[in-house]
Amino acid sequence: MIKLDLQSRIPLYEQLEEQIISLSILGVLDAHQQLPSVRALARQVGVNPNTVAKAYQELERHGIIYTVTGKGSFVSPDLLSLEFPKQEALDQVLYAVDKAISRGVSRQQLLDKINLHLDSLKGGIPHD
């Protein structure tokens, strides 16, 4: 279910965070579903338990999961209404836009590429 890219420049705990958010938003993980223990997930993905603990701490700090003492960590029922995952994704897009502009990509090239990509997405995207 969770796969980490050990060659990536993205820290492992951030990869874990992103995958748990994605699995929750996509409905693979249900609201109030218990996540594996820190040790179990660390064994499953082959990382140090401290890496998983850091990911869980960050997820809890942002309201993505919640912890019940003595029971474990669970997926927040309010995940889809939380702004953090959306804002984080938008920040990453803006970073990529800034990078593209700094490398000489024009406004029209950006817009054309984004529109082409959005048109190619299966099932489309939600409209505001």
N, C-alpha and C. Protein backbone atom coordinates (compact mmCIF):
# COMPACT_ATOMS: atom_id res chain seq x y z
N MET A 1 0.83 -1.19 0.00
CA MET A 1 0.00 0.00 0.00
C MET A 1 0.88 1.26 0.00
N ILE A 2 1.82 1.35 0.92
CA ILE A 2 2.71 2.51 0.97
C ILE A 2 4.07 2.09 0.43
N LYS A 3 4.55 2.87 -0.53
CA LYS A 3 5.86 2.59 -1.12
C LYS A 3 6.69 3.87 -1.05
N LEU A 4 7.91 3.73 -0.55
CA LEU A 4 8.81 4.88 -0.42
C LEU A 4 9.90 4.79 -1.47
N ASP A 5 10.30 5.95 -1.96
CA ASP A 5 11.40 6.03 -2.91
C ASP A 5 12.65 6.41 -2.13
N LEU A 6 13.49 5.42 -1.90
CA LEU A 6 14.69 5.65 -1.10
C LEU A 6 15.71 6.52 -1.82
N GLN A 7 15.56 6.68 -3.14
CA GLN A 7 16.48 7.50 -3.92
C GLN A 7 16.02 8.96 -4.03
N SER A 8 14.81 9.23 -3.59
CA SER A 8 14.24 10.57 -3.71
C SER A 8 14.93 11.56 -2.77
N ARG A 9 14.90 12.81 -3.18
CA ARG A 9 15.42 13.88 -2.31
C ARG A 9 14.40 14.27 -1.25
N ILE A 10 13.17 13.82 -1.43
CA ILE A 10 12.11 14.12 -0.47
C ILE A 10 12.31 13.23 0.75
N PRO A 11 12.37 13.83 1.95
CA PRO A 11 12.57 13.02 3.16
C PRO A 11 11.52 11.93 3.28
N LEU A 12 11.93 10.81 3.84
CA LEU A 12 11.04 9.65 3.95
C LEU A 12 9.79 9.97 4.76
N TYR A 13 9.92 10.76 5.83
CA TYR A 13 8.73 11.07 6.63
C TYR A 13 7.74 11.90 5.83
N GLU A 14 8.23 12.77 4.93
CA GLU A 14 7.33 13.55 4.09
C GLU A 14 6.65 12.67 3.05
N GLN A 15 7.38 11.69 2.52
CA GLN A 15 6.77 10.75 1.59
C GLN A 15 5.65 9.97 2.29
N LEU A 16 5.91 9.55 3.52
CA LEU A 16 4.88 8.84 4.29
C LEU A 16 3.65 9.73 4.50
N GLU A 17 3.89 10.96 4.91
CA GLU A 17 2.79 11.91 5.12
C GLU A 17 1.94 12.03 3.86
N GLU A 18 2.60 12.28 2.74
CA GLU A 18 1.90 12.49 1.48
C GLU A 18 1.08 11.27 1.08
N GLN A 19 1.64 10.10 1.26
CA GLN A 19 0.92 8.89 0.88
C GLN A 19 -0.27 8.63 1.78
N ILE A 20 -0.14 8.90 3.07
CA ILE A 20 -1.27 8.71 3.98
C ILE A 20 -2.38 9.70 3.66
N ILE A 21 -2.01 10.94 3.35
CA ILE A 21 -3.01 11.94 2.95
C ILE A 21 -3.71 11.47 1.68
N SER A 22 -2.94 11.05 0.68
CA SER A 22 -3.53 10.61 -0.59
C SER A 22 -4.45 9.41 -0.40
N LEU A 23 -4.00 8.43 0.35
CA LEU A 23 -4.83 7.23 0.58
C LEU A 23 -6.12 7.59 1.31
N SER A 24 -6.05 8.58 2.18
CA SER A 24 -7.25 9.01 2.91
C SER A 24 -8.21 9.76 2.00
N ILE A 25 -7.68 10.68 1.22
CA ILE A 25 -8.53 11.47 0.32
C ILE A 25 -9.17 10.58 -0.75
N LEU A 26 -8.43 9.59 -1.23
CA LEU A 26 -8.95 8.68 -2.25
C LEU A 26 -9.92 7.65 -1.69
N GLY A 27 -10.05 7.59 -0.37
CA GLY A 27 -10.99 6.66 0.24
C GLY A 27 -10.43 5.27 0.50
N VAL A 28 -9.14 5.08 0.24
CA VAL A 28 -8.51 3.80 0.56
C VAL A 28 -8.47 3.62 2.08
N LEU A 29 -8.20 4.71 2.77
CA LEU A 29 -8.28 4.73 4.22
C LEU A 29 -9.56 5.48 4.59
N ASP A 30 -10.40 4.87 5.39
CA ASP A 30 -11.67 5.48 5.77
C ASP A 30 -11.52 6.35 7.01
N ALA A 31 -12.48 7.25 7.20
CA ALA A 31 -12.52 8.07 8.41
C ALA A 31 -12.57 7.16 9.63
N HIS A 32 -11.82 7.49 10.62
CA HIS A 32 -11.72 6.76 11.89
C HIS A 32 -11.01 5.41 11.75
N GLN A 33 -10.48 5.11 10.56
CA GLN A 33 -9.75 3.85 10.39
C GLN A 33 -8.43 3.93 11.13
N GLN A 34 -8.10 2.86 11.84
CA GLN A 34 -6.85 2.82 12.58
C GLN A 34 -5.69 2.60 11.64
N LEU A 35 -4.64 3.39 11.84
CA LEU A 35 -3.41 3.22 11.07
C LEU A 35 -2.54 2.17 11.74
N PRO A 36 -1.62 1.58 11.00
CA PRO A 36 -0.70 0.63 11.64
C PRO A 36 0.10 1.33 12.74
N SER A 37 0.53 0.57 13.71
CA SER A 37 1.37 1.14 14.76
C SER A 37 2.66 1.65 14.12
N VAL A 38 3.35 2.51 14.84
CA VAL A 38 4.61 3.06 14.34
C VAL A 38 5.58 1.93 14.00
N ARG A 39 5.72 0.99 14.90
CA ARG A 39 6.66 -0.13 14.66
C ARG A 39 6.23 -0.99 13.49
N ALA A 40 4.92 -1.28 13.39
CA ALA A 40 4.42 -2.14 12.31
C ALA A 40 4.64 -1.48 10.95
N LEU A 41 4.32 -0.19 10.85
CA LEU A 41 4.51 0.50 9.57
C LEU A 41 5.98 0.63 9.24
N ALA A 42 6.82 0.87 10.24
CA ALA A 42 8.26 0.97 10.01
C ALA A 42 8.79 -0.34 9.44
N ARG A 43 8.34 -1.45 10.01
CA ARG A 43 8.75 -2.77 9.49
C ARG A 43 8.25 -2.98 8.07
N GLN A 44 7.00 -2.61 7.84
CA GLN A 44 6.35 -2.81 6.54
C GLN A 44 7.08 -2.07 5.42
N VAL A 45 7.48 -0.82 5.68
CA VAL A 45 8.11 -0.02 4.62
C VAL A 45 9.63 0.01 4.72
N GLY A 46 10.17 -0.61 5.77
CA GLY A 46 11.62 -0.73 5.88
C GLY A 46 12.35 0.52 6.30
N VAL A 47 11.76 1.27 7.25
CA VAL A 47 12.42 2.47 7.75
C VAL A 47 12.51 2.42 9.27
N ASN A 48 13.24 3.35 9.83
CA ASN A 48 13.38 3.48 11.27
C ASN A 48 12.04 3.92 11.87
N PRO A 49 11.65 3.37 13.01
CA PRO A 49 10.39 3.79 13.64
C PRO A 49 10.32 5.30 13.91
N ASN A 50 11.46 5.95 14.13
CA ASN A 50 11.45 7.40 14.34
C ASN A 50 10.94 8.15 13.11
N THR A 51 11.19 7.61 11.94
CA THR A 51 10.71 8.22 10.69
C THR A 51 9.18 8.18 10.65
N VAL A 52 8.61 7.05 10.99
CA VAL A 52 7.15 6.91 11.00
C VAL A 52 6.57 7.79 12.11
N ALA A 53 7.20 7.81 13.27
CA ALA A 53 6.72 8.63 14.38
C ALA A 53 6.69 10.11 13.98
N LYS A 54 7.71 10.56 13.27
CA LYS A 54 7.74 11.97 12.83
C LYS A 54 6.62 12.25 11.84
N ALA A 55 6.39 11.33 10.92
CA ALA A 55 5.30 11.49 9.95
C ALA A 55 3.95 11.56 10.68
N TYR A 56 3.73 10.66 11.62
CA TYR A 56 2.48 10.65 12.37
C TYR A 56 2.32 11.95 13.17
N GLN A 57 3.41 12.45 13.76
CA GLN A 57 3.34 13.70 14.53
C GLN A 57 2.93 14.87 13.64
N GLU A 58 3.53 14.93 12.45
CA GLU A 58 3.19 16.01 11.51
C GLU A 58 1.74 15.88 11.04
N LEU A 59 1.31 14.67 10.74
CA LEU A 59 -0.07 14.45 10.32
C LEU A 59 -1.05 14.85 11.41
N GLU A 60 -0.71 14.53 12.64
CA GLU A 60 -1.59 14.90 13.76
C GLU A 60 -1.59 16.42 13.97
N ARG A 61 -0.44 17.03 13.84
CA ARG A 61 -0.33 18.49 14.00
C ARG A 61 -1.23 19.22 13.00
N HIS A 62 -1.39 18.65 11.82
CA HIS A 62 -2.21 19.28 10.77
C HIS A 62 -3.65 18.77 10.76
N GLY A 63 -4.01 17.92 11.71
CA GLY A 63 -5.38 17.45 11.80
C GLY A 63 -5.74 16.34 10.83
N ILE A 64 -4.76 15.73 10.20
CA ILE A 64 -5.01 14.68 9.23
C ILE A 64 -5.34 13.37 9.95
N ILE A 65 -4.68 13.15 11.07
CA ILE A 65 -4.96 11.97 11.90
C ILE A 65 -5.13 12.44 13.34
N TYR A 66 -5.66 11.56 14.16
CA TYR A 66 -5.74 11.84 15.60
C TYR A 66 -5.30 10.59 16.35
N THR A 67 -4.83 10.79 17.56
CA THR A 67 -4.32 9.69 18.36
C THR A 67 -5.18 9.52 19.61
N VAL A 68 -5.49 8.27 19.90
CA VAL A 68 -6.19 7.92 21.14
C VAL A 68 -5.17 7.17 21.99
N THR A 69 -4.87 7.73 23.15
CA THR A 69 -3.85 7.14 24.02
C THR A 69 -4.18 5.69 24.32
N GLY A 70 -3.20 4.85 24.10
CA GLY A 70 -3.36 3.43 24.36
C GLY A 70 -4.06 2.65 23.25
N LYS A 71 -4.59 3.35 22.26
CA LYS A 71 -5.33 2.70 21.17
C LYS A 71 -4.61 2.82 19.83
N GLY A 72 -4.00 3.97 19.57
CA GLY A 72 -3.29 4.16 18.31
C GLY A 72 -3.70 5.42 17.58
N SER A 73 -3.33 5.48 16.30
CA SER A 73 -3.61 6.65 15.45
C SER A 73 -4.70 6.29 14.45
N PHE A 74 -5.56 7.28 14.18
CA PHE A 74 -6.73 7.05 13.32
C PHE A 74 -6.85 8.19 12.32
N VAL A 75 -7.48 7.90 11.17
CA VAL A 75 -7.70 8.90 10.13
C VAL A 75 -8.80 9.85 10.59
N SER A 76 -8.55 11.14 10.44
CA SER A 76 -9.52 12.15 10.85
C SER A 76 -10.76 12.08 9.96
N PRO A 77 -11.95 12.22 10.54
CA PRO A 77 -13.17 12.23 9.73
C PRO A 77 -13.34 13.53 8.95
N ASP A 78 -12.61 14.55 9.31
CA ASP A 78 -12.75 15.87 8.68
C ASP A 78 -11.71 16.12 7.60
N LEU A 79 -11.04 15.09 7.14
CA LEU A 79 -9.91 15.26 6.23
C LEU A 79 -10.26 16.07 4.99
N LEU A 80 -11.37 15.79 4.36
CA LEU A 80 -11.71 16.50 3.12
C LEU A 80 -12.00 17.97 3.35
N SER A 81 -12.36 18.34 4.57
CA SER A 81 -12.64 19.74 4.84
C SER A 81 -11.41 20.50 5.32
N LEU A 82 -10.33 19.78 5.59
CA LEU A 82 -9.12 20.45 6.08
C LEU A 82 -8.43 21.21 4.96
N GLU A 83 -7.99 22.38 5.26
CA GLU A 83 -7.33 23.21 4.26
C GLU A 83 -5.86 22.88 4.07
N PHE A 84 -5.22 22.29 5.07
CA PHE A 84 -3.79 22.05 4.98
C PHE A 84 -3.37 21.26 3.75
N PRO A 85 -3.97 20.10 3.47
CA PRO A 85 -3.52 19.35 2.29
C PRO A 85 -3.71 20.14 0.99
N LYS A 86 -4.80 20.88 0.91
CA LYS A 86 -5.05 21.68 -0.29
C LYS A 86 -4.02 22.80 -0.43
N GLN A 87 -3.79 23.51 0.67
CA GLN A 87 -2.85 24.62 0.63
C GLN A 87 -1.44 24.14 0.32
N GLU A 88 -1.06 23.01 0.91
CA GLU A 88 0.26 22.45 0.65
C GLU A 88 0.42 22.10 -0.83
N ALA A 89 -0.62 21.52 -1.43
CA ALA A 89 -0.57 21.18 -2.85
C ALA A 89 -0.46 22.44 -3.70
N LEU A 90 -1.22 23.46 -3.35
CA LEU A 90 -1.15 24.72 -4.10
C LEU A 90 0.22 25.38 -3.96
N ASP A 91 0.81 25.31 -2.78
CA ASP A 91 2.15 25.86 -2.58
C ASP A 91 3.16 25.15 -3.47
N GLN A 92 3.01 23.84 -3.61
CA GLN A 92 3.93 23.08 -4.46
C GLN A 92 3.76 23.46 -5.93
N VAL A 93 2.52 23.72 -6.34
CA VAL A 93 2.27 24.16 -7.72
C VAL A 93 2.94 25.51 -7.95
N LEU A 94 2.76 26.43 -7.01
CA LEU A 94 3.36 27.76 -7.16
C LEU A 94 4.89 27.69 -7.21
N TYR A 95 5.45 26.81 -6.40
CA TYR A 95 6.90 26.61 -6.44
C TYR A 95 7.33 26.14 -7.82
N ALA A 96 6.59 25.18 -8.37
CA ALA A 96 6.92 24.65 -9.70
C ALA A 96 6.75 25.73 -10.78
N VAL A 97 5.74 26.57 -10.64
CA VAL A 97 5.53 27.67 -11.59
C VAL A 97 6.71 28.64 -11.52
N ASP A 98 7.11 29.02 -10.32
CA ASP A 98 8.26 29.92 -10.15
C ASP A 98 9.52 29.32 -10.78
N LYS A 99 9.71 28.04 -10.57
CA LYS A 99 10.89 27.35 -11.13
C LYS A 99 10.84 27.36 -12.66
N ALA A 100 9.67 27.09 -13.22
CA ALA A 100 9.52 27.08 -14.67
C ALA A 100 9.79 28.47 -15.25
N ILE A 101 9.27 29.49 -14.61
CA ILE A 101 9.47 30.87 -15.08
C ILE A 101 10.95 31.23 -15.02
N SER A 102 11.62 30.81 -13.94
CA SER A 102 13.04 31.13 -13.82
C SER A 102 13.89 30.41 -14.87
N ARG A 103 13.31 29.38 -15.48
CA ARG A 103 14.02 28.64 -16.53
C ARG A 103 13.56 29.02 -17.93
N GLY A 104 12.80 30.12 -18.01
CA GLY A 104 12.46 30.66 -19.32
C GLY A 104 11.14 30.20 -19.91
N VAL A 105 10.32 29.49 -19.17
CA VAL A 105 9.03 29.06 -19.69
C VAL A 105 8.09 30.26 -19.67
N SER A 106 7.41 30.49 -20.78
CA SER A 106 6.52 31.65 -20.88
C SER A 106 5.18 31.37 -20.20
N ARG A 107 4.46 32.45 -19.94
CA ARG A 107 3.12 32.35 -19.34
C ARG A 107 2.22 31.48 -20.19
N GLN A 108 2.25 31.71 -21.51
CA GLN A 108 1.38 30.94 -22.40
C GLN A 108 1.77 29.46 -22.44
N GLN A 109 3.07 29.17 -22.41
CA GLN A 109 3.51 27.77 -22.38
C GLN A 109 3.02 27.08 -21.10
N LEU A 110 3.11 27.79 -19.99
CA LEU A 110 2.62 27.24 -18.72
C LEU A 110 1.13 26.94 -18.79
N LEU A 111 0.37 27.94 -19.23
CA LEU A 111 -1.08 27.77 -19.28
C LEU A 111 -1.47 26.64 -20.24
N ASP A 112 -0.81 26.58 -21.39
CA ASP A 112 -1.11 25.52 -22.36
C ASP A 112 -0.83 24.15 -21.75
N LYS A 113 0.31 24.02 -21.10
CA LYS A 113 0.71 22.74 -20.52
C LYS A 113 -0.24 22.34 -19.38
N ILE A 114 -0.61 23.29 -18.55
CA ILE A 114 -1.53 23.00 -17.44
C ILE A 114 -2.90 22.59 -17.98
N ASN A 115 -3.39 23.34 -18.96
CA ASN A 115 -4.70 22.99 -19.54
C ASN A 115 -4.68 21.63 -20.20
N LEU A 116 -3.61 21.32 -20.91
CA LEU A 116 -3.47 20.02 -21.55
C LEU A 116 -3.47 18.91 -20.49
N HIS A 117 -2.75 19.14 -19.43
CA HIS A 117 -2.69 18.15 -18.35
C HIS A 117 -4.06 17.96 -17.70
N LEU A 118 -4.74 19.06 -17.40
CA LEU A 118 -6.06 18.97 -16.76
C LEU A 118 -7.05 18.25 -17.67
N ASP A 119 -6.98 18.52 -18.96
CA ASP A 119 -7.87 17.85 -19.92
C ASP A 119 -7.60 16.35 -20.00
N SER A 120 -6.38 15.94 -19.71
CA SER A 120 -6.02 14.52 -19.83
C SER A 120 -6.35 13.70 -18.58
N LEU A 121 -6.69 14.37 -17.48
CA LEU A 121 -6.96 13.65 -16.24
C LEU A 121 -8.23 12.80 -16.37
N LYS A 122 -8.13 11.58 -15.92
CA LYS A 122 -9.28 10.68 -15.93
C LYS A 122 -10.29 11.16 -14.91
N GLY A 123 -11.52 11.23 -15.30
CA GLY A 123 -12.58 11.61 -14.37
C GLY A 123 -12.64 13.11 -14.13
N GLY A 124 -11.72 13.86 -14.72
CA GLY A 124 -11.73 15.30 -14.55
C GLY A 124 -11.36 15.73 -13.16
N ILE A 125 -11.55 17.00 -12.89
CA ILE A 125 -11.26 17.55 -11.58
C ILE A 125 -12.49 18.29 -11.09
N PRO A 126 -12.64 18.43 -9.78
CA PRO A 126 -13.80 19.15 -9.27
C PRO A 126 -13.74 20.63 -9.63
N HIS A 127 -14.90 21.22 -9.82
CA HIS A 127 -14.98 22.67 -10.09
C HIS A 127 -15.44 23.38 -8.83
N ASP A 128 -14.89 24.57 -8.61
CA ASP A 128 -15.34 25.37 -7.44
C ASP A 128 -16.55 26.17 -7.81
